[in-house]
Amino acid sequence: MEMLLTADMTPAARAAEIGVINRAVPAEALQASTMDMARKIASKSSMTLATSKRAFYAQREMPLTQAYEYASNVMVENMLANDAKEGIGAFIEKRTPQWQDA
C-alpha cells in the first residue's frame, strides 16, 4: 500500500524483504544468479512445470476454497504421472532424474 500511495521508488532489498520480489542480488551477480535459476528450472520435468504453471494461473481467479480443491486435484494427478515416480525414485536413490515428460 505504501508503494501505491506514495509512488516512491523501493530499493531492491526492501522489495525482497516485503515479498514484492523473490530476491535481490548485486548488479555484478545478476547474470550468474539468473543463469543459476534458469539451469535449476530447466533441470525439472517440463510436463510438471507446464502443469504447475497452468494450475497457478487457473487458481488465481478462484475463490479460496475452490482454489484449494483445484490445487489438491492437480497435485494428486501430478503424483500419478511417470515423472513423479521418477523424481521420487531419483531422490531416494540419490541420482539425477531422467525425465520422460509423461
Protein backbone atom coordinates (compact mmCIF):
# COMPACT_ATOMS: atom_id res chain seq x y z
CA MET A 1 0.00 0.00 0.00
CA GLU A 2 2.88 2.33 0.81
CA MET A 3 4.30 1.89 -2.68
CA LEU A 4 0.90 2.52 -4.25
CA LEU A 5 0.06 5.62 -2.25
CA THR A 6 3.48 7.30 -2.22
CA ALA A 7 4.74 6.20 -5.65
CA ASP A 8 8.21 6.23 -4.09
CA MET A 9 10.89 4.03 -5.58
CA THR A 10 11.55 0.98 -3.40
CA PRO A 11 15.10 -0.32 -3.05
CA ALA A 12 15.53 -3.93 -4.18
CA ALA A 13 16.50 -5.15 -0.71
CA ARG A 14 13.30 -3.66 0.75
CA ALA A 15 11.21 -5.12 -2.10
CA ALA A 16 12.64 -8.56 -1.31
CA GLU A 17 12.06 -8.05 2.42
CA ILE A 18 8.35 -7.34 1.92
CA GLY A 19 7.82 -10.01 -0.73
CA VAL A 20 7.38 -7.84 -3.82
CA ILE A 21 10.27 -9.71 -5.46
CA ASN A 22 11.76 -13.13 -4.68
CA ARG A 23 15.32 -11.96 -4.16
CA ALA A 24 17.71 -9.10 -4.73
CA VAL A 25 21.29 -9.58 -5.87
CA PRO A 26 24.09 -7.11 -6.54
CA ALA A 27 24.28 -5.99 -10.17
CA GLU A 28 27.56 -7.83 -10.70
CA ALA A 29 25.90 -11.11 -9.62
CA LEU A 30 22.71 -10.69 -11.67
CA GLN A 31 23.73 -12.73 -14.73
CA ALA A 32 25.17 -15.60 -12.67
CA SER A 33 22.12 -15.64 -10.38
CA THR A 34 19.75 -15.58 -13.36
CA MET A 35 21.61 -18.41 -15.10
CA ASP A 36 21.62 -20.49 -11.90
CA MET A 37 17.84 -20.11 -11.65
CA ALA A 38 17.39 -20.90 -15.36
CA ARG A 39 19.50 -24.07 -15.05
CA LYS A 40 17.56 -25.17 -12.00
CA ILE A 41 14.21 -24.70 -13.74
CA ALA A 42 15.48 -26.35 -16.95
CA SER A 43 16.53 -29.42 -14.94
CA LYS A 44 12.92 -30.11 -13.93
CA SER A 45 10.30 -32.17 -15.74
CA SER A 46 8.77 -29.98 -18.47
CA MET A 47 5.46 -31.78 -18.00
CA THR A 48 5.44 -30.94 -14.29
CA LEU A 49 6.46 -27.32 -14.97
CA ALA A 50 3.66 -26.90 -17.52
CA THR A 51 1.12 -28.46 -15.15
CA SER A 52 2.27 -26.21 -12.30
CA LYS A 53 2.10 -23.04 -14.39
CA ARG A 54 -1.39 -23.86 -15.67
CA ALA A 55 -2.60 -24.61 -12.14
CA PHE A 56 -1.06 -21.44 -10.71
CA TYR A 57 -2.74 -19.18 -13.24
CA ALA A 58 -6.07 -21.05 -13.15
CA GLN A 59 -6.44 -20.90 -9.37
CA ARG A 60 -5.56 -17.21 -9.12
CA GLU A 61 -9.07 -16.27 -10.21
CA MET A 62 -10.88 -18.82 -8.00
CA PRO A 63 -12.37 -18.31 -4.56
CA LEU A 64 -10.04 -19.68 -1.87
CA THR A 65 -11.96 -22.90 -1.17
CA GLN A 66 -12.26 -23.72 -4.86
CA ALA A 67 -8.58 -22.90 -5.43
CA TYR A 68 -7.52 -25.30 -2.64
CA GLU A 69 -9.71 -28.09 -4.05
CA TYR A 70 -8.43 -27.47 -7.59
CA ALA A 71 -4.79 -27.41 -6.46
CA SER A 72 -5.29 -30.62 -4.46
CA ASN A 73 -6.69 -32.38 -7.52
CA VAL A 74 -3.81 -31.16 -9.68
CA MET A 75 -1.26 -32.38 -7.11
CA VAL A 76 -2.87 -35.83 -6.99
CA GLU A 77 -2.88 -36.08 -10.79
CA ASN A 78 0.73 -34.90 -10.88
CA MET A 79 1.80 -37.52 -8.32
CA LEU A 80 0.35 -40.24 -10.55
CA ALA A 81 2.49 -39.18 -13.52
CA ASN A 82 5.56 -41.18 -14.52
CA ASP A 83 7.81 -38.17 -13.91
CA ALA A 84 6.66 -38.01 -10.28
CA LYS A 85 7.62 -41.65 -9.79
CA GLU A 86 10.97 -40.95 -11.46
CA GLY A 87 11.59 -37.87 -9.33
CA ILE A 88 10.83 -39.70 -6.09
CA GLY A 89 12.96 -42.67 -7.15
CA ALA A 90 15.86 -40.43 -8.13
CA PHE A 91 15.66 -38.61 -4.80
CA ILE A 92 15.67 -41.84 -2.81
CA GLU A 93 18.47 -43.32 -4.92
CA LYS A 94 20.42 -40.02 -4.80
CA ARG A 95 20.73 -39.78 -8.59
CA THR A 96 19.81 -37.30 -11.30
CA PRO A 97 16.27 -37.92 -12.58
CA GLN A 98 15.72 -38.94 -16.18
CA TRP A 99 12.53 -37.10 -17.14
CA GLN A 100 10.20 -38.62 -19.72
CA ASP A 101 7.72 -35.73 -19.70
CA ALA A 102 4.94 -38.22 -19.04
